[in-house]
Amino acid sequence: MGKYAGMYIKNLPDKPGADDEIMHDLKNMGRLLVKGTVKHSYPFCWRSQTPLIYRGFDCWFIKVEAIKEQMIANNKTTRWVP
């Protein structure tokens, strides 16, 4: 993320984030159309009370049904040790 690498994504009372920096840079480039605040419900971590950030990432999925019988056969020949 270049300049914003390592910065927290949101501004929090005890942790300044990338929001203000991004807004400042967009304004300087003439690309900030509107800056405002919208109040809405937002998910927070029940332990730390920090906002949960949803992000997409690459992941792999295995079609297990296609190899189910092979997996069962392999499990029967595996020596499982606790």
PDB file of N, CA and C in Angstrom:
ATOM      1  N   MET A   1       0.813  -1.192   0.000  1.00  0.00           N
ATOM      2  CA  MET A   1       0.000   0.000   0.000  1.00  0.00           C
ATOM      3  C   MET A   1       0.861   1.262   0.000  1.00  0.00           C
ATOM      4  N   GLY A   2       2.114   1.117  -0.285  1.00  0.00           N
ATOM      5  CA  GLY A   2       2.986   2.280  -0.416  1.00  0.00           C
ATOM      6  C   GLY A   2       3.078   3.103   0.849  1.00  0.00           C
ATOM      7  N   LYS A   3       2.725   4.352   0.733  1.00  0.00           N
ATOM      8  CA  LYS A   3       2.815   5.306   1.839  1.00  0.00           C
ATOM      9  C   LYS A   3       2.020   4.869   3.072  1.00  0.00           C
ATOM     10  N   TYR A   4       0.943   4.138   2.868  1.00  0.00           N
ATOM     11  CA  TYR A   4       0.050   3.763   3.962  1.00  0.00           C
ATOM     12  C   TYR A   4       0.377   2.392   4.562  1.00  0.00           C
ATOM     13  N   ALA A   5       1.435   1.761   4.089  1.00  0.00           N
ATOM     14  CA  ALA A   5       1.814   0.430   4.584  1.00  0.00           C
ATOM     15  C   ALA A   5       2.062   0.474   6.083  1.00  0.00           C
ATOM     16  N   GLY A   6       1.492  -0.476   6.791  1.00  0.00           N
ATOM     17  CA  GLY A   6       1.688  -0.579   8.230  1.00  0.00           C
ATOM     18  C   GLY A   6       0.747   0.280   9.051  1.00  0.00           C
ATOM     19  N   MET A   7      -0.002   1.160   8.401  1.00  0.00           N
ATOM     20  CA  MET A   7      -0.948   2.007   9.134  1.00  0.00           C
ATOM     21  C   MET A   7      -2.248   1.233   9.332  1.00  0.00           C
ATOM     22  N   TYR A   8      -2.903   1.491  10.475  1.00  0.00           N
ATOM     23  CA  TYR A   8      -4.208   0.893  10.716  1.00  0.00           C
ATOM     24  C   TYR A   8      -5.206   1.554   9.771  1.00  0.00           C
ATOM     25  N   ILE A   9      -6.187   0.807   9.314  1.00  0.00           N
ATOM     26  CA  ILE A   9      -7.095   1.312   8.283  1.00  0.00           C
ATOM     27  C   ILE A   9      -8.043   2.407   8.791  1.00  0.00           C
ATOM     28  N   LYS A  10      -8.454   2.336  10.039  1.00  0.00           N
ATOM     29  CA  LYS A  10      -9.403   3.306  10.595  1.00  0.00           C
ATOM     30  C   LYS A  10      -8.732   4.185  11.642  1.00  0.00           C
ATOM     31  N   ASN A  11      -9.302   5.372  11.854  1.00  0.00           N
ATOM     32  CA  ASN A  11      -8.852   6.241  12.941  1.00  0.00           C
ATOM     33  C   ASN A  11      -9.566   5.830  14.221  1.00  0.00           C
ATOM     34  N   LEU A  12      -8.807   5.590  15.262  1.00  0.00           N
ATOM     35  CA  LEU A  12      -9.361   5.261  16.568  1.00  0.00           C
ATOM     36  C   LEU A  12      -8.827   6.277  17.575  1.00  0.00           C
ATOM     37  N   PRO A  13      -9.502   6.455  18.701  1.00  0.00           N
ATOM     38  CA  PRO A  13      -9.045   7.455  19.681  1.00  0.00           C
ATOM     39  C   PRO A  13      -7.588   7.277  20.102  1.00  0.00           C
ATOM     40  N   ASP A  14      -7.144   6.043  20.274  1.00  0.00           N
ATOM     41  CA  ASP A  14      -5.776   5.807  20.735  1.00  0.00           C
ATOM     42  C   ASP A  14      -4.841   5.331  19.627  1.00  0.00           C
ATOM     43  N   LYS A  15      -5.331   5.267  18.394  1.00  0.00           N
ATOM     44  CA  LYS A  15      -4.539   4.731  17.290  1.00  0.00           C
ATOM     45  C   LYS A  15      -4.861   5.481  16.004  1.00  0.00           C
ATOM     46  N   PRO A  16      -4.056   6.510  15.652  1.00  0.00           N
ATOM     47  CA  PRO A  16      -4.342   7.219  14.403  1.00  0.00           C
ATOM     48  C   PRO A  16      -4.210   6.271  13.214  1.00  0.00           C
ATOM     49  N   GLY A  17      -5.105   6.418  12.268  1.00  0.00           N
ATOM     50  CA  GLY A  17      -5.113   5.504  11.134  1.00  0.00           C
ATOM     51  C   GLY A  17      -4.877   6.193   9.814  1.00  0.00           C
ATOM     52  N   ALA A  18      -5.117   5.457   8.770  1.00  0.00           N
ATOM     53  CA  ALA A  18      -4.847   5.933   7.421  1.00  0.00           C
ATOM     54  C   ALA A  18      -5.949   6.846   6.882  1.00  0.00           C
ATOM     55  N   ASP A  19      -7.124   6.852   7.485  1.00  0.00           N
ATOM     56  CA  ASP A  19      -8.245   7.651   6.971  1.00  0.00           C
ATOM     57  C   ASP A  19      -7.856   9.109   6.701  1.00  0.00           C
ATOM     58  N   ASP A  20      -7.315   9.778   7.700  1.00  0.00           N
ATOM     59  CA  ASP A  20      -6.985  11.199   7.550  1.00  0.00           C
ATOM     60  C   ASP A  20      -5.911  11.420   6.494  1.00  0.00           C
ATOM     61  N   GLU A  21      -4.907  10.544   6.459  1.00  0.00           N
ATOM     62  CA  GLU A  21      -3.840  10.665   5.463  1.00  0.00           C
ATOM     63  C   GLU A  21      -4.391  10.496   4.052  1.00  0.00           C
ATOM     64  N   ILE A  22      -5.257   9.526   3.871  1.00  0.00           N
ATOM     65  CA  ILE A  22      -5.838   9.270   2.552  1.00  0.00           C
ATOM     66  C   ILE A  22      -6.692  10.454   2.122  1.00  0.00           C
ATOM     67  N   MET A  23      -7.525  10.970   3.027  1.00  0.00           N
ATOM     68  CA  MET A  23      -8.360  12.136   2.712  1.00  0.00           C
ATOM     69  C   MET A  23      -7.501  13.334   2.331  1.00  0.00           C
ATOM     70  N   HIS A  24      -6.443  13.560   3.080  1.00  0.00           N
ATOM     71  CA  HIS A  24      -5.537  14.685   2.818  1.00  0.00           C
ATOM     72  C   HIS A  24      -4.907  14.548   1.428  1.00  0.00           C
ATOM     73  N   ASP A  25      -4.424  13.356   1.114  1.00  0.00           N
ATOM     74  CA  ASP A  25      -3.789  13.130  -0.186  1.00  0.00           C
ATOM     75  C   ASP A  25      -4.779  13.264  -1.336  1.00  0.00           C
ATOM     76  N   LEU A  26      -5.987  12.722  -1.162  1.00  0.00           N
ATOM     77  CA  LEU A  26      -7.006  12.854  -2.208  1.00  0.00           C
ATOM     78  C   LEU A  26      -7.370  14.318  -2.448  1.00  0.00           C
ATOM     79  N   LYS A  27      -7.482  15.091  -1.369  1.00  0.00           N
ATOM     80  CA  LYS A  27      -7.796  16.514  -1.511  1.00  0.00           C
ATOM     81  C   LYS A  27      -6.682  17.240  -2.268  1.00  0.00           C
ATOM     82  N   ASN A  28      -5.429  16.952  -1.921  1.00  0.00           N
ATOM     83  CA  ASN A  28      -4.301  17.592  -2.590  1.00  0.00           C
ATOM     84  C   ASN A  28      -4.218  17.238  -4.073  1.00  0.00           C
ATOM     85  N   MET A  29      -4.675  16.045  -4.441  1.00  0.00           N
ATOM     86  CA  MET A  29      -4.668  15.623  -5.847  1.00  0.00           C
ATOM     87  C   MET A  29      -5.907  16.104  -6.596  1.00  0.00           C
ATOM     88  N   GLY A  30      -6.837  16.754  -5.885  1.00  0.00           N
ATOM     89  CA  GLY A  30      -8.068  17.214  -6.519  1.00  0.00           C
ATOM     90  C   GLY A  30      -9.041  16.097  -6.814  1.00  0.00           C
ATOM     91  N   ARG A  31      -8.945  14.991  -6.088  1.00  0.00           N
ATOM     92  CA  ARG A  31      -9.806  13.832  -6.343  1.00  0.00           C
ATOM     93  C   ARG A  31     -10.826  13.578  -5.243  1.00  0.00           C
ATOM     94  N   LEU A  32     -10.836  14.406  -4.214  1.00  0.00           N
ATOM     95  CA  LEU A  32     -11.804  14.241  -3.126  1.00  0.00           C
ATOM     96  C   LEU A  32     -13.067  15.000  -3.508  1.00  0.00           C
ATOM     97  N   LEU A  33     -14.148  14.272  -3.704  1.00  0.00           N
ATOM     98  CA  LEU A  33     -15.402  14.902  -4.106  1.00  0.00           C
ATOM     99  C   LEU A  33     -16.178  15.412  -2.902  1.00  0.00           C
ATOM    100  N   VAL A  34     -16.343  14.572  -1.892  1.00  0.00           N
ATOM    101  CA  VAL A  34     -17.115  14.927  -0.700  1.00  0.00           C
ATOM    102  C   VAL A  34     -16.471  14.263   0.501  1.00  0.00           C
ATOM    103  N   LYS A  35     -16.394  14.996   1.598  1.00  0.00           N
ATOM    104  CA  LYS A  35     -15.931  14.414   2.847  1.00  0.00           C
ATOM    105  C   LYS A  35     -17.033  14.643   3.877  1.00  0.00           C
ATOM    106  N   GLY A  36     -17.468  13.565   4.490  1.00  0.00           N
ATOM    107  CA  GLY A  36     -18.545  13.680   5.462  1.00  0.00           C
ATOM    108  C   GLY A  36     -18.556  12.476   6.377  1.00  0.00           C
ATOM    109  N   THR A  37     -19.538  12.459   7.239  1.00  0.00           N
ATOM    110  CA  THR A  37     -19.697  11.372   8.184  1.00  0.00           C
ATOM    111  C   THR A  37     -21.075  10.761   8.001  1.00  0.00           C
ATOM    112  N   VAL A  38     -21.113   9.448   7.934  1.00  0.00           N
ATOM    113  CA  VAL A  38     -22.368   8.724   7.848  1.00  0.00           C
ATOM    114  C   VAL A  38     -22.435   7.822   9.067  1.00  0.00           C
ATOM    115  N   LYS A  39     -23.496   7.951   9.840  1.00  0.00           N
ATOM    116  CA  LYS A  39     -23.670   7.095  11.023  1.00  0.00           C
ATOM    117  C   LYS A  39     -24.449   5.856  10.618  1.00  0.00           C
ATOM    118  N   HIS A  40     -23.868   4.703  10.912  1.00  0.00           N
ATOM    119  CA  HIS A  40     -24.527   3.440  10.635  1.00  0.00           C
ATOM    120  C   HIS A  40     -23.968   2.394  11.591  1.00  0.00           C
ATOM    121  N   SER A  41     -24.677   1.288  11.711  1.00  0.00           N
ATOM    122  CA  SER A  41     -24.174   0.221  12.577  1.00  0.00           C
ATOM    123  C   SER A  41     -22.961  -0.411  11.914  1.00  0.00           C
ATOM    124  N   TYR A  42     -22.030  -0.819  12.722  1.00  0.00           N
ATOM    125  CA  TYR A  42     -20.789  -1.363  12.207  1.00  0.00           C
ATOM    126  C   TYR A  42     -20.333  -2.472  13.139  1.00  0.00           C
ATOM    127  N   PRO A  43     -19.809  -3.578  12.599  1.00  0.00           N
ATOM    128  CA  PRO A  43     -19.398  -4.684  13.477  1.00  0.00           C
ATOM    129  C   PRO A  43     -18.103  -4.367  14.221  1.00  0.00           C
ATOM    130  N   PHE A  44     -18.086  -4.675  15.511  1.00  0.00           N
ATOM    131  CA  PHE A  44     -16.913  -4.466  16.345  1.00  0.00           C
ATOM    132  C   PHE A  44     -16.528  -5.775  17.010  1.00  0.00           C
ATOM    133  N   CYS A  45     -15.235  -5.946  17.254  1.00  0.00           N
ATOM    134  CA  CYS A  45     -14.738  -7.109  17.973  1.00  0.00           C
ATOM    135  C   CYS A  45     -15.235  -7.042  19.411  1.00  0.00           C
ATOM    136  N   TRP A  46     -15.800  -8.120  19.900  1.00  0.00           N
ATOM    137  CA  TRP A  46     -16.345  -8.114  21.262  1.00  0.00           C
ATOM    138  C   TRP A  46     -15.244  -8.053  22.309  1.00  0.00           C
ATOM    139  N   ARG A  47     -14.011  -8.463  21.955  1.00  0.00           N
ATOM    140  CA  ARG A  47     -12.920  -8.428  22.928  1.00  0.00           C
ATOM    141  C   ARG A  47     -12.220  -7.082  22.976  1.00  0.00           C
ATOM    142  N   SER A  48     -11.809  -6.588  21.812  1.00  0.00           N
ATOM    143  CA  SER A  48     -10.993  -5.366  21.779  1.00  0.00           C
ATOM    144  C   SER A  48     -11.800  -4.112  21.490  1.00  0.00           C
ATOM    145  N   GLN A  49     -13.058  -4.273  21.109  1.00  0.00           N
ATOM    146  CA  GLN A  49     -13.929  -3.155  20.750  1.00  0.00           C
ATOM    147  C   GLN A  49     -13.379  -2.351  19.569  1.00  0.00           C
ATOM    148  N   THR A  50     -12.590  -2.993  18.702  1.00  0.00           N
ATOM    149  CA  THR A  50     -12.092  -2.340  17.493  1.00  0.00           C
ATOM    150  C   THR A  50     -12.961  -2.755  16.319  1.00  0.00           C
ATOM    151  N   PRO A  51     -13.069  -1.896  15.303  1.00  0.00           N
ATOM    152  CA  PRO A  51     -13.910  -2.243  14.153  1.00  0.00           C
ATOM    153  C   PRO A  51     -13.359  -3.453  13.405  1.00  0.00           C
ATOM    154  N   LEU A  52     -14.266  -4.287  12.930  1.00  0.00           N
ATOM    155  CA  LEU A  52     -13.882  -5.429  12.116  1.00  0.00           C
ATOM    156  C   LEU A  52     -13.804  -4.966  10.664  1.00  0.00           C
ATOM    157  N   ILE A  53     -12.702  -5.264  10.024  1.00  0.00           N
ATOM    158  CA  ILE A  53     -12.497  -4.856   8.642  1.00  0.00           C
ATOM    159  C   ILE A  53     -12.647  -6.091   7.756  1.00  0.00           C
ATOM    160  N   TYR A  54     -13.591  -6.026   6.845  1.00  0.00           N
ATOM    161  CA  TYR A  54     -13.789  -7.121   5.908  1.00  0.00           C
ATOM    162  C   TYR A  54     -12.898  -6.867   4.701  1.00  0.00           C
ATOM    163  N   ARG A  55     -12.175  -7.886   4.280  1.00  0.00           N
ATOM    164  CA  ARG A  55     -11.329  -7.733   3.113  1.00  0.00           C
ATOM    165  C   ARG A  55     -11.337  -9.035   2.327  1.00  0.00           C
ATOM    166  N   GLY A  56     -11.232  -8.904   1.038  1.00  0.00           N
ATOM    167  CA  GLY A  56     -11.166 -10.075   0.192  1.00  0.00           C
ATOM    168  C   GLY A  56      -9.744 -10.599   0.113  1.00  0.00           C
ATOM    169  N   PHE A  57      -9.594 -11.887  -0.034  1.00  0.00           N
ATOM    170  CA  PHE A  57      -8.271 -12.471  -0.196  1.00  0.00           C
ATOM    171  C   PHE A  57      -8.401 -13.763  -0.985  1.00  0.00           C
ATOM    172  N   ASP A  58      -7.323 -14.137  -1.628  1.00  0.00           N
ATOM    173  CA  ASP A  58      -7.311 -15.365  -2.409  1.00  0.00           C
ATOM    174  C   ASP A  58      -7.364 -16.573  -1.476  1.00  0.00           C
ATOM    175  N   CYS A  59      -8.110 -17.567  -1.864  1.00  0.00           N
ATOM    176  CA  CYS A  59      -8.141 -18.802  -1.081  1.00  0.00           C
ATOM    177  C   CYS A  59      -8.416 -19.971  -2.023  1.00  0.00           C
ATOM    178  N   TRP A  60      -8.087 -21.130  -1.548  1.00  0.00           N
ATOM    179  CA  TRP A  60      -8.268 -22.352  -2.322  1.00  0.00           C
ATOM    180  C   TRP A  60      -9.362 -23.193  -1.690  1.00  0.00           C
ATOM    181  N   PHE A  61     -10.121 -23.859  -2.521  1.00  0.00           N
ATOM    182  CA  PHE A  61     -11.129 -24.788  -2.045  1.00  0.00           C
ATOM    183  C   PHE A  61     -10.876 -26.137  -2.713  1.00  0.00           C
ATOM    184  N   ILE A  62     -11.051 -27.202  -1.964  1.00  0.00           N
ATOM    185  CA  ILE A  62     -10.833 -28.543  -2.492  1.00  0.00           C
ATOM    186  C   ILE A  62     -12.184 -29.234  -2.622  1.00  0.00           C
ATOM    187  N   LYS A  63     -12.419 -29.807  -3.762  1.00  0.00           N
ATOM    188  CA  LYS A  63     -13.660 -30.546  -4.006  1.00  0.00           C
ATOM    189  C   LYS A  63     -13.519 -31.917  -3.337  1.00  0.00           C
ATOM    190  N   VAL A  64     -13.845 -31.969  -2.056  1.00  0.00           N
ATOM    191  CA  VAL A  64     -13.604 -33.147  -1.225  1.00  0.00           C
ATOM    192  C   VAL A  64     -14.435 -34.345  -1.679  1.00  0.00           C
ATOM    193  N   GLU A  65     -15.653 -34.103  -2.113  1.00  0.00           N
ATOM    194  CA  GLU A  65     -16.509 -35.219  -2.520  1.00  0.00           C
ATOM    195  C   GLU A  65     -15.855 -36.055  -3.618  1.00  0.00           C
ATOM    196  N   ALA A  66     -15.078 -35.415  -4.487  1.00  0.00           N
ATOM    197  CA  ALA A  66     -14.444 -36.135  -5.595  1.00  0.00           C
ATOM    198  C   ALA A  66     -13.340 -37.076  -5.127  1.00  0.00           C
ATOM    199  N   ILE A  67     -12.757 -36.812  -3.960  1.00  0.00           N
ATOM    200  CA  ILE A  67     -11.649 -37.647  -3.461  1.00  0.00           C
ATOM    201  C   ILE A  67     -11.988 -38.306  -2.126  1.00  0.00           C
ATOM    202  N   LYS A  68     -13.263 -38.317  -1.775  1.00  0.00           N
ATOM    203  CA  LYS A  68     -13.698 -38.840  -0.480  1.00  0.00           C
ATOM    204  C   LYS A  68     -13.256 -40.285  -0.252  1.00  0.00           C
ATOM    205  N   GLU A  69     -13.498 -41.160  -1.210  1.00  0.00           N
ATOM    206  CA  GLU A  69     -13.150 -42.578  -1.050  1.00  0.00           C
ATOM    207  C   GLU A  69     -11.645 -42.753  -0.906  1.00  0.00           C
ATOM    208  N   GLN A  70     -10.862 -42.010  -1.670  1.00  0.00           N
ATOM    209  CA  GLN A  70      -9.405 -42.088  -1.587  1.00  0.00           C
ATOM    210  C   GLN A  70      -8.927 -41.609  -0.214  1.00  0.00           C
ATOM    211  N   MET A  71      -9.548 -40.567   0.315  1.00  0.00           N
ATOM    212  CA  MET A  71      -9.179 -40.055   1.643  1.00  0.00           C
ATOM    213  C   MET A  71      -9.484 -41.079   2.731  1.00  0.00           C
ATOM    214  N   ILE A  72     -10.638 -41.736   2.627  1.00  0.00           N
ATOM    215  CA  ILE A  72     -11.009 -42.755   3.613  1.00  0.00           C
ATOM    216  C   ILE A  72     -10.018 -43.915   3.563  1.00  0.00           C
ATOM    217  N   ALA A  73      -9.666 -44.341   2.363  1.00  0.00           N
ATOM    218  CA  ALA A  73      -8.701 -45.440   2.217  1.00  0.00           C
ATOM    219  C   ALA A  73      -7.342 -45.045   2.790  1.00  0.00           C
ATOM    220  N   ASN A  74      -6.894 -43.831   2.515  1.00  0.00           N
ATOM    221  CA  ASN A  74      -5.608 -43.362   3.047  1.00  0.00           C
ATOM    222  C   ASN A  74      -5.636 -43.241   4.563  1.00  0.00           C
ATOM    223  N   ASN A  75      -6.756 -42.806   5.119  1.00  0.00           N
ATOM    224  CA  ASN A  75      -6.872 -42.688   6.575  1.00  0.00           C
ATOM    225  C   ASN A  75      -6.774 -44.054   7.257  1.00  0.00           C
ATOM    226  N   LYS A  76      -7.269 -45.089   6.595  1.00  0.00           N
ATOM    227  CA  LYS A  76      -7.204 -46.428   7.174  1.00  0.00           C
ATOM    228  C   LYS A  76      -5.774 -46.956   7.228  1.00  0.00           C
ATOM    229  N   THR A  77      -4.895 -46.465   6.353  1.00  0.00           N
ATOM    230  CA  THR A  77      -3.503 -46.921   6.344  1.00  0.00           C
ATOM    231  C   THR A  77      -2.579 -45.991   7.122  1.00  0.00           C
ATOM    232  N   THR A  78      -3.122 -44.925   7.664  1.00  0.00           N
ATOM    233  CA  THR A  78      -2.312 -43.962   8.413  1.00  0.00           C
ATOM    234  C   THR A  78      -2.221 -44.371   9.870  1.00  0.00           C
ATOM    235  N   ARG A  79      -1.035 -44.271  10.428  1.00  0.00           N
ATOM    236  CA  ARG A  79      -0.848 -44.559  11.860  1.00  0.00           C
ATOM    237  C   ARG A  79      -0.984 -43.252  12.617  1.00  0.00           C
ATOM    238  N   TRP A  80      -2.102 -43.059  13.289  1.00  0.00           N
ATOM    239  CA  TRP A  80      -2.389 -41.827  14.025  1.00  0.00           C
ATOM    240  C   TRP A  80      -1.810 -41.934  15.433  1.00  0.00           C
ATOM    241  N   VAL A  81      -1.002 -40.973  15.810  1.00  0.00           N
ATOM    242  CA  VAL A  81      -0.383 -40.965  17.139  1.00  0.00           C
ATOM    243  C   VAL A  81      -0.831 -39.705  17.876  1.00  0.00           C
ATOM    244  N   PRO A  82      -1.389 -39.867  19.083  1.00  0.00           N
ATOM    245  CA  PRO A  82      -1.841 -38.668  19.821  1.00  0.00           C
ATOM    246  C   PRO A  82      -0.678 -37.819  20.304  1.00  0.00           C
TER     247      PRO A  82
END
